[in-house]
C-alpha atoms as a PDB file:
ATOM      1  CA  UNK A   1      22.819  62.562  -3.636  1.00  0.00           C
ATOM      2  CA  UNK A   2      23.342  62.161   0.121  1.00  0.00           C
ATOM      3  CA  UNK A   3      25.207  58.872   0.429  1.00  0.00           C
ATOM      4  CA  UNK A   4      28.448  58.458  -1.456  1.00  0.00           C
ATOM      5  CA  UNK A   5      30.391  55.402  -2.505  1.00  0.00           C
ATOM      6  CA  UNK A   6      33.862  54.948  -3.914  1.00  0.00           C
ATOM      7  CA  UNK A   7      32.498  52.066  -5.990  1.00  0.00           C
ATOM      8  CA  UNK A   8      30.217  54.268  -8.070  1.00  0.00           C
ATOM      9  CA  UNK A   9      30.403  57.500 -10.048  1.00  0.00           C
ATOM     10  CA  UNK A  10      27.781  59.657 -11.689  1.00  0.00           C
ATOM     11  CA  UNK A  11      28.598  60.905 -15.188  1.00  0.00           C
ATOM     12  CA  UNK A  12      27.181  63.996 -16.817  1.00  0.00           C
ATOM     13  CA  UNK A  13      27.591  66.934 -19.164  1.00  0.00           C
ATOM     14  CA  UNK A  14      28.430  70.542 -18.258  1.00  0.00           C
ATOM     15  CA  UNK A  15      28.046  73.447 -20.682  1.00  0.00           C
ATOM     16  CA  UNK A  16      28.059  77.246 -20.932  1.00  0.00           C
ATOM     17  CA  UNK A  17      26.189  76.998 -24.253  1.00  0.00           C
ATOM     18  CA  UNK A  18      29.093  78.552 -26.088  1.00  0.00           C
ATOM     19  CA  UNK A  19      28.145  80.567 -29.172  1.00  0.00           C
ATOM     20  CA  UNK A  20      31.421  81.351 -30.900  1.00  0.00           C
ATOM     21  CA  UNK A  21      31.982  81.367 -34.681  1.00  0.00           C
ATOM     22  CA  UNK A  22      33.514  78.345 -36.327  1.00  0.00           C
ATOM     23  CA  UNK A  23      37.278  79.021 -36.556  1.00  0.00           C
ATOM     24  CA  UNK A  24      37.476  77.374 -39.985  1.00  0.00           C
ATOM     25  CA  UNK A  25      34.547  78.986 -41.864  1.00  0.00           C
ATOM     26  CA  UNK A  26      33.706  81.881 -39.522  1.00  0.00           C
ATOM     27  CA  UNK A  27      30.030  80.828 -39.389  1.00  0.00           C
ATOM     28  CA  UNK A  28      28.421  81.844 -36.047  1.00  0.00           C
ATOM     29  CA  UNK A  29      25.642  80.195 -34.109  1.00  0.00           C
ATOM     30  CA  UNK A  30      22.980  82.494 -32.648  1.00  0.00           C
ATOM     31  CA  UNK A  31      22.221  82.608 -28.954  1.00  0.00           C
ATOM     32  CA  UNK A  32      18.661  81.448 -29.646  1.00  0.00           C
ATOM     33  CA  UNK A  33      19.809  78.442 -31.672  1.00  0.00           C
ATOM     34  CA  UNK A  34      22.424  77.492 -29.092  1.00  0.00           C
ATOM     35  CA  UNK A  35      19.817  77.582 -26.308  1.00  0.00           C
ATOM     36  CA  UNK A  36      17.524  75.300 -28.322  1.00  0.00           C
ATOM     37  CA  UNK A  37      20.472  72.994 -28.899  1.00  0.00           C
ATOM     38  CA  UNK A  38      21.063  72.900 -25.153  1.00  0.00           C
ATOM     39  CA  UNK A  39      17.530  71.640 -24.539  1.00  0.00           C
ATOM     40  CA  UNK A  40      18.098  68.964 -27.137  1.00  0.00           C
ATOM     41  CA  UNK A  41      21.350  67.972 -25.415  1.00  0.00           C
ATOM     42  CA  UNK A  42      19.501  67.416 -22.134  1.00  0.00           C
ATOM     43  CA  UNK A  43      17.139  65.019 -23.873  1.00  0.00           C
ATOM     44  CA  UNK A  44      19.967  63.126 -25.615  1.00  0.00           C
ATOM     45  CA  UNK A  45      21.954  62.957 -22.374  1.00  0.00           C
ATOM     46  CA  UNK A  46      19.048  61.298 -20.597  1.00  0.00           C
ATOM     47  CA  UNK A  47      18.430  58.895 -23.473  1.00  0.00           C
ATOM     48  CA  UNK A  48      22.122  57.933 -23.369  1.00  0.00           C
ATOM     49  CA  UNK A  49      21.803  57.018 -19.668  1.00  0.00           C
ATOM     50  CA  UNK A  50      23.769  59.951 -18.206  1.00  0.00           C
ATOM     51  CA  UNK A  51      23.017  61.082 -14.674  1.00  0.00           C
ATOM     52  CA  UNK A  52      23.199  64.879 -14.748  1.00  0.00           C
ATOM     53  CA  UNK A  53      23.292  67.873 -17.073  1.00  0.00           C
ATOM     54  CA  UNK A  54      24.566  71.255 -15.842  1.00  0.00           C
ATOM     55  CA  UNK A  55      24.529  74.753 -17.336  1.00  0.00           C
ATOM     56  CA  UNK A  56      26.803  77.572 -16.257  1.00  0.00           C
ATOM     57  CA  UNK A  57      25.707  81.223 -16.034  1.00  0.00           C
ATOM     58  CA  UNK A  58      27.587  83.780 -18.123  1.00  0.00           C
ATOM     59  CA  UNK A  59      26.923  87.308 -19.341  1.00  0.00           C
ATOM     60  CA  UNK A  60      29.177  87.534 -22.386  1.00  0.00           C
ATOM     61  CA  UNK A  61      28.517  87.483 -26.124  1.00  0.00           C
ATOM     62  CA  UNK A  62      30.422  84.207 -26.556  1.00  0.00           C
ATOM     63  CA  UNK A  63      28.014  82.284 -24.263  1.00  0.00           C
ATOM     64  CA  UNK A  64      24.234  81.935 -24.403  1.00  0.00           C
ATOM     65  CA  UNK A  65      23.299  80.828 -20.904  1.00  0.00           C
ATOM     66  CA  UNK A  66      22.567  83.879 -18.734  1.00  0.00           C
ATOM     67  CA  UNK A  67      19.445  82.195 -17.287  1.00  0.00           C
ATOM     68  CA  UNK A  68      20.284  78.502 -16.696  1.00  0.00           C
ATOM     69  CA  UNK A  69      17.161  77.712 -14.635  1.00  0.00           C
ATOM     70  CA  UNK A  70      14.909  78.652 -17.557  1.00  0.00           C
ATOM     71  CA  UNK A  71      16.773  76.410 -20.007  1.00  0.00           C
ATOM     72  CA  UNK A  72      16.934  73.556 -17.514  1.00  0.00           C
ATOM     73  CA  UNK A  73      13.200  73.885 -16.952  1.00  0.00           C
ATOM     74  CA  UNK A  74      12.606  73.419 -20.678  1.00  0.00           C
ATOM     75  CA  UNK A  75      14.729  70.284 -20.525  1.00  0.00           C
ATOM     76  CA  UNK A  76      12.936  69.104 -17.374  1.00  0.00           C
ATOM     77  CA  UNK A  77       9.592  69.177 -19.208  1.00  0.00           C
ATOM     78  CA  UNK A  78      11.021  66.735 -21.794  1.00  0.00           C
ATOM     79  CA  UNK A  79      12.806  64.326 -19.435  1.00  0.00           C
ATOM     80  CA  UNK A  80      12.015  62.088 -16.499  1.00  0.00           C
ATOM     81  CA  UNK A  81      15.209  61.066 -14.738  1.00  0.00           C
ATOM     82  CA  UNK A  82      18.310  63.146 -15.406  1.00  0.00           C
ATOM     83  CA  UNK A  83      19.345  65.599 -12.673  1.00  0.00           C
ATOM     84  CA  UNK A  84      19.528  69.271 -13.667  1.00  0.00           C
ATOM     85  CA  UNK A  85      22.065  71.688 -12.207  1.00  0.00           C
ATOM     86  CA  UNK A  86      23.620  75.097 -12.640  1.00  0.00           C
ATOM     87  CA  UNK A  87      27.364  75.082 -13.281  1.00  0.00           C
ATOM     88  CA  UNK A  88      27.665  77.667 -11.805  1.00  0.00           C
ATOM     89  CA  UNK A  89      25.158  80.129 -10.459  1.00  0.00           C
ATOM     90  CA  UNK A  90      27.155  83.368 -10.045  1.00  0.00           C
ATOM     91  CA  UNK A  91      25.772  83.936  -6.560  1.00  0.00           C
ATOM     92  CA  UNK A  92      27.862  87.025  -5.805  1.00  0.00           C
ATOM     93  CA  UNK A  93      25.958  89.158  -8.342  1.00  0.00           C
ATOM     94  CA  UNK A  94      22.532  87.564  -7.965  1.00  0.00           C
ATOM     95  CA  UNK A  95      19.747  87.718  -5.357  1.00  0.00           C
ATOM     96  CA  UNK A  96      19.661  84.507  -3.243  1.00  0.00           C
ATOM     97  CA  UNK A  97      15.893  84.864  -2.827  1.00  0.00           C
ATOM     98  CA  UNK A  98      15.359  84.746  -6.581  1.00  0.00           C
ATOM     99  CA  UNK A  99      17.965  82.020  -7.009  1.00  0.00           C
ATOM    100  CA  UNK A 100      16.124  79.807  -4.518  1.00  0.00           C
ATOM    101  CA  UNK A 101      12.742  80.578  -6.067  1.00  0.00           C
ATOM    102  CA  UNK A 102      13.939  79.806  -9.590  1.00  0.00           C
ATOM    103  CA  UNK A 103      15.486  76.472  -8.644  1.00  0.00           C
ATOM    104  CA  UNK A 104      12.569  75.529  -6.360  1.00  0.00           C
ATOM    105  CA  UNK A 105      10.363  76.121  -9.390  1.00  0.00           C
ATOM    106  CA  UNK A 106      12.696  73.953 -11.503  1.00  0.00           C
ATOM    107  CA  UNK A 107      12.521  71.361  -8.750  1.00  0.00           C
ATOM    108  CA  UNK A 108       8.714  71.280  -9.069  1.00  0.00           C
ATOM    109  CA  UNK A 109       8.749  71.038 -12.873  1.00  0.00           C
ATOM    110  CA  UNK A 110      11.337  68.229 -12.751  1.00  0.00           C
ATOM    111  CA  UNK A 111       9.753  66.322  -9.858  1.00  0.00           C
ATOM    112  CA  UNK A 112      12.734  66.848  -7.562  1.00  0.00           C
ATOM    113  CA  UNK A 113      15.744  66.812  -9.909  1.00  0.00           C
ATOM    114  CA  UNK A 114      17.108  70.369  -9.475  1.00  0.00           C
ATOM    115  CA  UNK A 115      20.470  71.332  -7.989  1.00  0.00           C
ATOM    116  CA  UNK A 116      22.354  74.599  -7.476  1.00  0.00           C
ATOM    117  CA  UNK A 117      26.111  74.870  -7.985  1.00  0.00           C
ATOM    118  CA  UNK A 118      26.957  78.116  -6.215  1.00  0.00           C
ATOM    119  CA  UNK A 119      30.160  79.905  -7.175  1.00  0.00           C
ATOM    120  CA  UNK A 120      31.791  83.191  -8.060  1.00  0.00           C
ATOM    121  CA  UNK A 121      32.110  82.455 -11.773  1.00  0.00           C
ATOM    122  CA  UNK A 122      35.255  82.608 -13.917  1.00  0.00           C
ATOM    123  CA  UNK A 123      34.419  85.970 -15.497  1.00  0.00           C
ATOM    124  CA  UNK A 124      33.488  89.330 -13.972  1.00  0.00           C
ATOM    125  CA  UNK A 125      30.932  90.815 -16.433  1.00  0.00           C
ATOM    126  CA  UNK A 126      27.977  90.196 -14.109  1.00  0.00           C
ATOM    127  CA  UNK A 127      29.355  92.525 -11.414  1.00  0.00           C
ATOM    128  CA  UNK A 128      29.074  95.844 -13.261  1.00  0.00           C
ATOM    129  CA  UNK A 129      25.967  94.582 -15.086  1.00  0.00           C
ATOM    130  CA  UNK A 130      24.052  94.218 -11.845  1.00  0.00           C
ATOM    131  CA  UNK A 131      25.656  97.131 -10.065  1.00  0.00           C
ATOM    132  CA  UNK A 132      28.197  95.421  -7.785  1.00  0.00           C
ATOM    133  CA  UNK A 133      31.781  96.377  -7.085  1.00  0.00           C
ATOM    134  CA  UNK A 134      34.664  93.963  -7.456  1.00  0.00           C
ATOM    135  CA  UNK A 135      36.036  95.561  -4.294  1.00  0.00           C
ATOM    136  CA  UNK A 136      33.342  93.557  -2.447  1.00  0.00           C
ATOM    137  CA  UNK A 137      34.127  90.312  -4.277  1.00  0.00           C
ATOM    138  CA  UNK A 138      34.710  88.124  -1.207  1.00  0.00           C
ATOM    139  CA  UNK A 139      32.098  89.655   1.091  1.00  0.00           C
ATOM    140  CA  UNK A 140      29.367  89.467  -1.558  1.00  0.00           C
ATOM    141  CA  UNK A 141      29.848  85.741  -1.963  1.00  0.00           C
ATOM    142  CA  UNK A 142      30.028  85.016   1.751  1.00  0.00           C
ATOM    143  CA  UNK A 143      26.908  87.046   2.536  1.00  0.00           C
ATOM    144  CA  UNK A 144      24.816  85.690  -0.300  1.00  0.00           C
ATOM    145  CA  UNK A 145      25.776  82.097   0.335  1.00  0.00           C
ATOM    146  CA  UNK A 146      24.773  82.555   3.961  1.00  0.00           C
ATOM    147  CA  UNK A 147      21.387  83.893   2.904  1.00  0.00           C
ATOM    148  CA  UNK A 148      20.804  81.159   0.319  1.00  0.00           C
ATOM    149  CA  UNK A 149      21.454  78.466   2.953  1.00  0.00           C
ATOM    150  CA  UNK A 150      19.125  80.176   5.410  1.00  0.00           C
ATOM    151  CA  UNK A 151      16.356  80.231   2.800  1.00  0.00           C
ATOM    152  CA  UNK A 152      16.670  76.554   1.954  1.00  0.00           C
ATOM    153  CA  UNK A 153      16.764  75.754   5.677  1.00  0.00           C
ATOM    154  CA  UNK A 154      13.587  77.605   6.690  1.00  0.00           C
ATOM    155  CA  UNK A 155      10.386  78.883   5.086  1.00  0.00           C
ATOM    156  CA  UNK A 156      10.520  82.087   7.147  1.00  0.00           C
ATOM    157  CA  UNK A 157      13.789  84.018   6.998  1.00  0.00           C
ATOM    158  CA  UNK A 158      15.337  86.728   9.145  1.00  0.00           C
ATOM    159  CA  UNK A 159      18.649  88.041   7.846  1.00  0.00           C
ATOM    160  CA  UNK A 160      20.744  91.158   7.513  1.00  0.00           C
ATOM    161  CA  UNK A 161      23.936  92.015   5.677  1.00  0.00           C
ATOM    162  CA  UNK A 162      25.809  94.812   3.978  1.00  0.00           C
ATOM    163  CA  UNK A 163      24.898  94.267   0.299  1.00  0.00           C
ATOM    164  CA  UNK A 164      21.224  93.471   0.284  1.00  0.00           C
ATOM    165  CA  UNK A 165      18.161  94.846   2.155  1.00  0.00           C
ATOM    166  CA  UNK A 166      17.471  92.987   5.390  1.00  0.00           C
ATOM    167  CA  UNK A 167      14.716  90.383   5.621  1.00  0.00           C
ATOM    168  CA  UNK A 168      12.529  90.301   8.753  1.00  0.00           C
ATOM    169  CA  UNK A 169      10.639  87.023   9.213  1.00  0.00           C
ATOM    170  CA  UNK A 170       9.511  86.827   5.567  1.00  0.00           C
ATOM    171  CA  UNK A 171       8.487  83.675   3.773  1.00  0.00           C
ATOM    172  CA  UNK A 172      10.205  82.558   0.552  1.00  0.00           C
ATOM    173  CA  UNK A 173       8.053  80.584  -1.900  1.00  0.00           C
ATOM    174  CA  UNK A 174       7.654  78.169  -3.531  1.00  0.00           C
ATOM    175  CA  UNK A 175       9.453  75.681  -1.388  1.00  0.00           C
ATOM    176  CA  UNK A 176      11.571  73.056  -3.123  1.00  0.00           C
ATOM    177  CA  UNK A 177      10.248  69.544  -3.472  1.00  0.00           C
ATOM    178  CA  UNK A 178      13.611  68.184  -2.304  1.00  0.00           C
ATOM    179  CA  UNK A 179      14.336  68.801   1.342  1.00  0.00           C
ATOM    180  CA  UNK A 180      16.829  70.322   1.313  1.00  0.00           C
ATOM    181  CA  UNK A 181      17.372  71.575  -2.223  1.00  0.00           C
ATOM    182  CA  UNK A 182      20.937  70.402  -3.090  1.00  0.00           C
ATOM    183  CA  UNK A 183      23.529  73.196  -3.038  1.00  0.00           C
ATOM    184  CA  UNK A 184      27.089  72.465  -4.143  1.00  0.00           C
ATOM    185  CA  UNK A 185      30.035  74.763  -3.602  1.00  0.00           C
ATOM    186  CA  UNK A 186      31.947  75.296  -6.866  1.00  0.00           C
ATOM    187  CA  UNK A 187      35.671  75.920  -6.648  1.00  0.00           C
ATOM    188  CA  UNK A 188      38.386  76.623  -9.140  1.00  0.00           C
ATOM    189  CA  UNK A 189      40.889  75.093  -6.725  1.00  0.00           C
ATOM    190  CA  UNK A 190      41.606  77.547  -3.916  1.00  0.00           C
ATOM    191  CA  UNK A 191      42.150  76.204  -0.396  1.00  0.00           C
ATOM    192  CA  UNK A 192      39.781  78.785   1.050  1.00  0.00           C
ATOM    193  CA  UNK A 193      36.847  77.632  -1.058  1.00  0.00           C
ATOM    194  CA  UNK A 194      37.313  73.928  -0.339  1.00  0.00           C
ATOM    195  CA  UNK A 195      37.622  74.625   3.386  1.00  0.00           C
ATOM    196  CA  UNK A 196      34.422  76.692   3.283  1.00  0.00           C
ATOM    197  CA  UNK A 197      32.586  73.821   1.587  1.00  0.00           C
ATOM    198  CA  UNK A 198      33.861  71.347   4.164  1.00  0.00           C
ATOM    199  CA  UNK A 199      33.033  73.550   7.128  1.00  0.00           C
ATOM    200  CA  UNK A 200      29.488  74.020   5.814  1.00  0.00           C
ATOM    201  CA  UNK A 201      29.060  70.329   5.096  1.00  0.00           C
ATOM    202  CA  UNK A 202      28.220  71.000   1.465  1.00  0.00           C
ATOM    203  CA  UNK A 203      29.164  68.919  -1.634  1.00  0.00           C
ATOM    204  CA  UNK A 204      32.227  70.198  -3.489  1.00  0.00           C
ATOM    205  CA  UNK A 205      32.515  70.744  -7.264  1.00  0.00           C
ATOM    206  CA  UNK A 206      36.045  71.264  -8.576  1.00  0.00           C
ATOM    207  CA  UNK A 207      36.804  72.781 -12.003  1.00  0.00           C
ATOM    208  CA  UNK A 208      39.893  70.995 -13.332  1.00  0.00           C
ATOM    209  CA  UNK A 209      40.717  72.671 -16.641  1.00  0.00           C
ATOM    210  CA  UNK A 210      44.492  72.605 -16.604  1.00  0.00           C
ATOM    211  CA  UNK A 211      47.512  70.862 -15.183  1.00  0.00           C
ATOM    212  CA  UNK A 212      47.127  67.312 -13.865  1.00  0.00           C
ATOM    213  CA  UNK A 213      43.929  66.276 -12.033  1.00  0.00           C
ATOM    214  CA  UNK A 214      46.004  64.314  -9.496  1.00  0.00           C
ATOM    215  CA  UNK A 215      47.389  67.652  -8.240  1.00  0.00           C
ATOM    216  CA  UNK A 216      43.970  68.337  -6.739  1.00  0.00           C
ATOM    217  CA  UNK A 217      44.304  65.456  -4.250  1.00  0.00           C
ATOM    218  CA  UNK A 218      45.616  67.740  -1.446  1.00  0.00           C
ATOM    219  CA  UNK A 219      42.581  69.958  -1.870  1.00  0.00           C
ATOM    220  CA  UNK A 220      40.274  66.940  -1.554  1.00  0.00           C
ATOM    221  CA  UNK A 221      42.073  65.979   1.660  1.00  0.00           C
ATOM    222  CA  UNK A 222      41.781  69.553   2.925  1.00  0.00           C
ATOM    223  CA  UNK A 223      38.054  69.528   2.173  1.00  0.00           C
ATOM    224  CA  UNK A 224      37.473  66.269   4.064  1.00  0.00           C
ATOM    225  CA  UNK A 225      39.575  67.394   7.016  1.00  0.00           C
ATOM    226  CA  UNK A 226      37.622  70.649   7.278  1.00  0.00           C
ATOM    227  CA  UNK A 227      34.334  68.735   7.125  1.00  0.00           C
ATOM    228  CA  UNK A 228      35.435  66.364   9.895  1.00  0.00           C
ATOM    229  CA  UNK A 229      36.595  69.226  12.095  1.00  0.00           C
ATOM    230  CA  UNK A 230      33.176  70.878  11.710  1.00  0.00           C
ATOM    231  CA  UNK A 231      31.389  67.635  12.757  1.00  0.00           C
ATOM    232  CA  UNK A 232      30.311  66.484   9.297  1.00  0.00           C
ATOM    233  CA  UNK A 233      30.830  62.942   7.976  1.00  0.00           C
ATOM    234  CA  UNK A 234      33.141  63.259   4.923  1.00  0.00           C
ATOM    235  CA  UNK A 235      31.838  59.926   3.621  1.00  0.00           C
ATOM    236  CA  UNK A 236      28.446  61.528   3.069  1.00  0.00           C
ATOM    237  CA  UNK A 237      29.793  64.540   1.152  1.00  0.00           C
ATOM    238  CA  UNK A 238      29.972  64.088  -2.646  1.00  0.00           C
ATOM    239  CA  UNK A 239      32.818  65.489  -4.694  1.00  0.00           C
ATOM    240  CA  UNK A 240      32.481  66.254  -8.418  1.00  0.00           C
ATOM    241  CA  UNK A 241      34.890  67.504 -11.038  1.00  0.00           C
ATOM    242  CA  UNK A 242      34.389  69.240 -14.376  1.00  0.00           C
ATOM    243  CA  UNK A 243      36.884  69.034 -17.250  1.00  0.00           C
ATOM    244  CA  UNK A 244      36.819  69.805 -20.940  1.00  0.00           C
ATOM    245  CA  UNK A 245      36.805  67.000 -23.508  1.00  0.00           C
ATOM    246  CA  UNK A 246      35.363  65.377 -26.561  1.00  0.00           C
ATOM    247  CA  UNK A 247      34.663  61.777 -27.624  1.00  0.00           C
ATOM    248  CA  UNK A 248      34.595  60.242 -31.075  1.00  0.00           C
ATOM    249  CA  UNK A 249      34.890  56.730 -32.505  1.00  0.00           C
ATOM    250  CA  UNK A 250      38.668  57.027 -32.867  1.00  0.00           C
ATOM    251  CA  UNK A 251      41.435  58.880 -31.074  1.00  0.00           C
ATOM    252  CA  UNK A 252      42.498  60.754 -34.206  1.00  0.00           C
ATOM    253  CA  UNK A 253      39.010  61.963 -35.103  1.00  0.00           C
ATOM    254  CA  UNK A 254      38.381  63.149 -31.540  1.00  0.00           C
ATOM    255  CA  UNK A 255      41.732  64.947 -31.293  1.00  0.00           C
ATOM    256  CA  UNK A 256      41.577  66.573 -34.733  1.00  0.00           C
ATOM    257  CA  UNK A 257      37.944  67.639 -34.389  1.00  0.00           C
ATOM    258  CA  UNK A 258      38.322  69.229 -30.988  1.00  0.00           C
ATOM    259  CA  UNK A 259      41.658  70.993 -31.509  1.00  0.00           C
ATOM    260  CA  UNK A 260      40.767  73.964 -33.807  1.00  0.00           C
ATOM    261  CA  UNK A 261      37.868  75.255 -31.686  1.00  0.00           C
ATOM    262  CA  UNK A 262      39.768  74.579 -28.476  1.00  0.00           C
ATOM    263  CA  UNK A 263      42.739  76.562 -29.764  1.00  0.00           C
ATOM    264  CA  UNK A 264      40.442  79.386 -30.879  1.00  0.00           C
ATOM    265  CA  UNK A 265      38.690  79.746 -27.533  1.00  0.00           C
ATOM    266  CA  UNK A 266      41.922  79.348 -25.520  1.00  0.00           C
ATOM    267  CA  UNK A 267      43.597  82.110 -27.562  1.00  0.00           C
ATOM    268  CA  UNK A 268      40.496  84.308 -27.283  1.00  0.00           C
ATOM    269  CA  UNK A 269      40.420  84.037 -23.486  1.00  0.00           C
ATOM    270  CA  UNK A 270      44.202  84.090 -23.380  1.00  0.00           C
ATOM    271  CA  UNK A 271      44.291  87.515 -24.985  1.00  0.00           C
ATOM    272  CA  UNK A 272      42.067  88.793 -22.154  1.00  0.00           C
ATOM    273  CA  UNK A 273      44.165  87.190 -19.427  1.00  0.00           C
ATOM    274  CA  UNK A 274      47.683  87.469 -20.782  1.00  0.00           C
ATOM    275  CA  UNK A 275      48.241  83.802 -21.610  1.00  0.00           C
ATOM    276  CA  UNK A 276      50.682  82.617 -24.264  1.00  0.00           C
ATOM    277  CA  UNK A 277      49.604  81.302 -27.648  1.00  0.00           C
ATOM    278  CA  UNK A 278      47.892  77.872 -27.394  1.00  0.00           C
ATOM    279  CA  UNK A 279      49.668  75.297 -29.550  1.00  0.00           C
ATOM    280  CA  UNK A 280      48.983  71.769 -30.740  1.00  0.00           C
ATOM    281  CA  UNK A 281      51.818  70.559 -28.499  1.00  0.00           C
ATOM    282  CA  UNK A 282      50.118  72.043 -25.429  1.00  0.00           C
ATOM    283  CA  UNK A 283      46.811  70.493 -26.519  1.00  0.00           C
ATOM    284  CA  UNK A 284      48.348  67.034 -27.042  1.00  0.00           C
ATOM    285  CA  UNK A 285      50.035  67.248 -23.651  1.00  0.00           C
ATOM    286  CA  UNK A 286      46.751  68.144 -21.967  1.00  0.00           C
ATOM    287  CA  UNK A 287      44.987  65.165 -23.523  1.00  0.00           C
ATOM    288  CA  UNK A 288      47.644  62.729 -22.339  1.00  0.00           C
ATOM    289  CA  UNK A 289      46.607  60.183 -19.739  1.00  0.00           C
ATOM    290  CA  UNK A 290      47.495  62.436 -16.776  1.00  0.00           C
ATOM    291  CA  UNK A 291      46.326  65.663 -18.399  1.00  0.00           C
ATOM    292  CA  UNK A 292      43.098  67.598 -17.849  1.00  0.00           C
ATOM    293  CA  UNK A 293      41.618  67.236 -21.367  1.00  0.00           C
ATOM    294  CA  UNK A 294      39.385  64.175 -21.774  1.00  0.00           C
ATOM    295  CA  UNK A 295      39.707  63.822 -25.547  1.00  0.00           C
ATOM    296  CA  UNK A 296      39.741  60.490 -27.308  1.00  0.00           C
ATOM    297  CA  UNK A 297      37.809  57.320 -28.114  1.00  0.00           C
ATOM    298  CA  UNK A 298      35.460  55.834 -25.517  1.00  0.00           C
ATOM    299  CA  UNK A 299      38.005  53.411 -24.117  1.00  0.00           C
ATOM    300  CA  UNK A 300      40.620  56.097 -23.586  1.00  0.00           C
ATOM    301  CA  UNK A 301      38.220  58.567 -21.990  1.00  0.00           C
ATOM    302  CA  UNK A 302      36.981  55.785 -19.690  1.00  0.00           C
ATOM    303  CA  UNK A 303      40.590  55.061 -18.724  1.00  0.00           C
ATOM    304  CA  UNK A 304      41.139  58.717 -17.821  1.00  0.00           C
ATOM    305  CA  UNK A 305      37.946  58.859 -15.729  1.00  0.00           C
ATOM    306  CA  UNK A 306      38.970  55.726 -13.872  1.00  0.00           C
ATOM    307  CA  UNK A 307      42.371  57.270 -13.117  1.00  0.00           C
ATOM    308  CA  UNK A 308      40.621  60.424 -11.902  1.00  0.00           C
ATOM    309  CA  UNK A 309      38.434  58.292  -9.620  1.00  0.00           C
ATOM    310  CA  UNK A 310      41.474  56.444  -8.301  1.00  0.00           C
ATOM    311  CA  UNK A 311      43.411  59.654  -7.562  1.00  0.00           C
ATOM    312  CA  UNK A 312      40.618  61.864  -6.178  1.00  0.00           C
ATOM    313  CA  UNK A 313      37.813  59.472  -5.179  1.00  0.00           C
ATOM    314  CA  UNK A 314      35.213  61.600  -6.988  1.00  0.00           C
ATOM    315  CA  UNK A 315      31.541  60.699  -7.013  1.00  0.00           C
ATOM    316  CA  UNK A 316      30.572  62.643 -10.105  1.00  0.00           C
ATOM    317  CA  UNK A 317      32.353  63.652 -13.323  1.00  0.00           C
ATOM    318  CA  UNK A 318      31.211  66.324 -15.770  1.00  0.00           C
ATOM    319  CA  UNK A 319      32.529  66.241 -19.339  1.00  0.00           C
ATOM    320  CA  UNK A 320      32.476  69.796 -20.705  1.00  0.00           C
ATOM    321  CA  UNK A 321      31.985  69.248 -24.467  1.00  0.00           C
ATOM    322  CA  UNK A 322      30.690  72.774 -25.010  1.00  0.00           C
ATOM    323  CA  UNK A 323      32.266  73.950 -28.267  1.00  0.00           C
ATOM    324  CA  UNK A 324      29.699  75.423 -30.635  1.00  0.00           C
ATOM    325  CA  UNK A 325      32.244  75.410 -33.467  1.00  0.00           C
ATOM    326  CA  UNK A 326      31.998  71.606 -33.460  1.00  0.00           C
ATOM    327  CA  UNK A 327      28.983  70.598 -35.609  1.00  0.00           C
ATOM    328  CA  UNK A 328      26.095  70.012 -33.233  1.00  0.00           C
ATOM    329  CA  UNK A 329      25.481  66.528 -34.666  1.00  0.00           C
ATOM    330  CA  UNK A 330      29.007  65.533 -33.617  1.00  0.00           C
ATOM    331  CA  UNK A 331      28.592  67.168 -30.190  1.00  0.00           C
ATOM    332  CA  UNK A 332      25.390  65.150 -29.638  1.00  0.00           C
ATOM    333  CA  UNK A 333      27.247  62.005 -30.696  1.00  0.00           C
ATOM    334  CA  UNK A 334      29.958  62.723 -28.109  1.00  0.00           C
ATOM    335  CA  UNK A 335      27.259  62.994 -25.461  1.00  0.00           C
ATOM    336  CA  UNK A 336      25.752  59.726 -26.652  1.00  0.00           C
ATOM    337  CA  UNK A 337      29.161  57.998 -26.529  1.00  0.00           C
ATOM    338  CA  UNK A 338      29.759  59.164 -22.953  1.00  0.00           C
ATOM    339  CA  UNK A 339      26.513  57.531 -21.858  1.00  0.00           C
ATOM    340  CA  UNK A 340      26.426  54.429 -23.988  1.00  0.00           C
ATOM    341  CA  UNK A 341      30.124  53.510 -24.326  1.00  0.00           C
ATOM    342  CA  UNK A 342      32.190  55.274 -21.662  1.00  0.00           C
ATOM    343  CA  UNK A 343      29.801  54.922 -18.731  1.00  0.00           C
ATOM    344  CA  UNK A 344      29.411  51.127 -18.995  1.00  0.00           C
ATOM    345  CA  UNK A 345      33.188  50.647 -19.049  1.00  0.00           C
ATOM    346  CA  UNK A 346      33.671  52.862 -16.015  1.00  0.00           C
ATOM    347  CA  UNK A 347      30.848  51.279 -14.031  1.00  0.00           C
ATOM    348  CA  UNK A 348      31.910  47.706 -14.801  1.00  0.00           C
ATOM    349  CA  UNK A 349      35.468  48.393 -13.723  1.00  0.00           C
ATOM    350  CA  UNK A 350      34.453  50.158 -10.523  1.00  0.00           C
ATOM    351  CA  UNK A 351      32.112  47.298  -9.668  1.00  0.00           C
ATOM    352  CA  UNK A 352      34.941  44.817 -10.313  1.00  0.00           C
ATOM    353  CA  UNK A 353      37.298  46.788  -8.049  1.00  0.00           C
ATOM    354  CA  UNK A 354      34.794  46.858  -5.236  1.00  0.00           C
END
């Protein structure tokens, strides 16, 4: 995506391939099964008419996707059109040479549908796993992003930094089919990260998982201002958002199905981070029209996406329906509803407004 338009929006699915036990019956899903389910979701998402499917990298027992490019490649072999992205690649603890090679390979398998969403990640397990210190958190990301962009810019690379051996006029292969291979900057909402994306002229992906999405409007303005100052055309820089949600035929079914596993995972992570107990009242507030949970029937979820588009002018929206405790049949149906019911409503209304 190089040209953007306020009259259109791409819709897709993001996932971490969560593998947590069902909070009602305690039945777990294995990592292997959850990975196979992810490949199936890519196929269903394309069949439903969605534009993109994205997998985030994690290194925890409650998530299955430590190697997104491999899973996306399996999905690429079974699809023709849907774009395939990481969400995110934890660049700080990875080798940019290998990241580029993996996604260039995915790009070949998919006939030019691969994307990288480069970020720091929301957890820290990958740092000690791969021998990095959290004391170097900022410098690791800055250095490795610089190297990744150099690699996608030129076949032969010369580079030096503090956290990886230098490269002296070495080639990196294979080269991506897309020129250049799309790289998005993922941000949890810090001013520094959106300014970095704007200055580099890279697309911006915002994770909006709490509060009100409209509160991110100042960050969008900051991003566009930074891009303009650096000589980039903000109109050509896409913005995407990612938010949790679930869709069913009725509001009540969607809300009641998604609440128990949402409460379970919020309380699990909350114990790690010192959050308070997650209640039904907090959940219901978050799924209100101005909240960050996109839970409801197709018409309601479409209304929320249209409000998001009005407030932030986004070009892409990811629905994060990744809750393994929801029966996979129902999760697949939610993906289907996003493509076959929600997307047509959103697209018709945006076309009418234009």
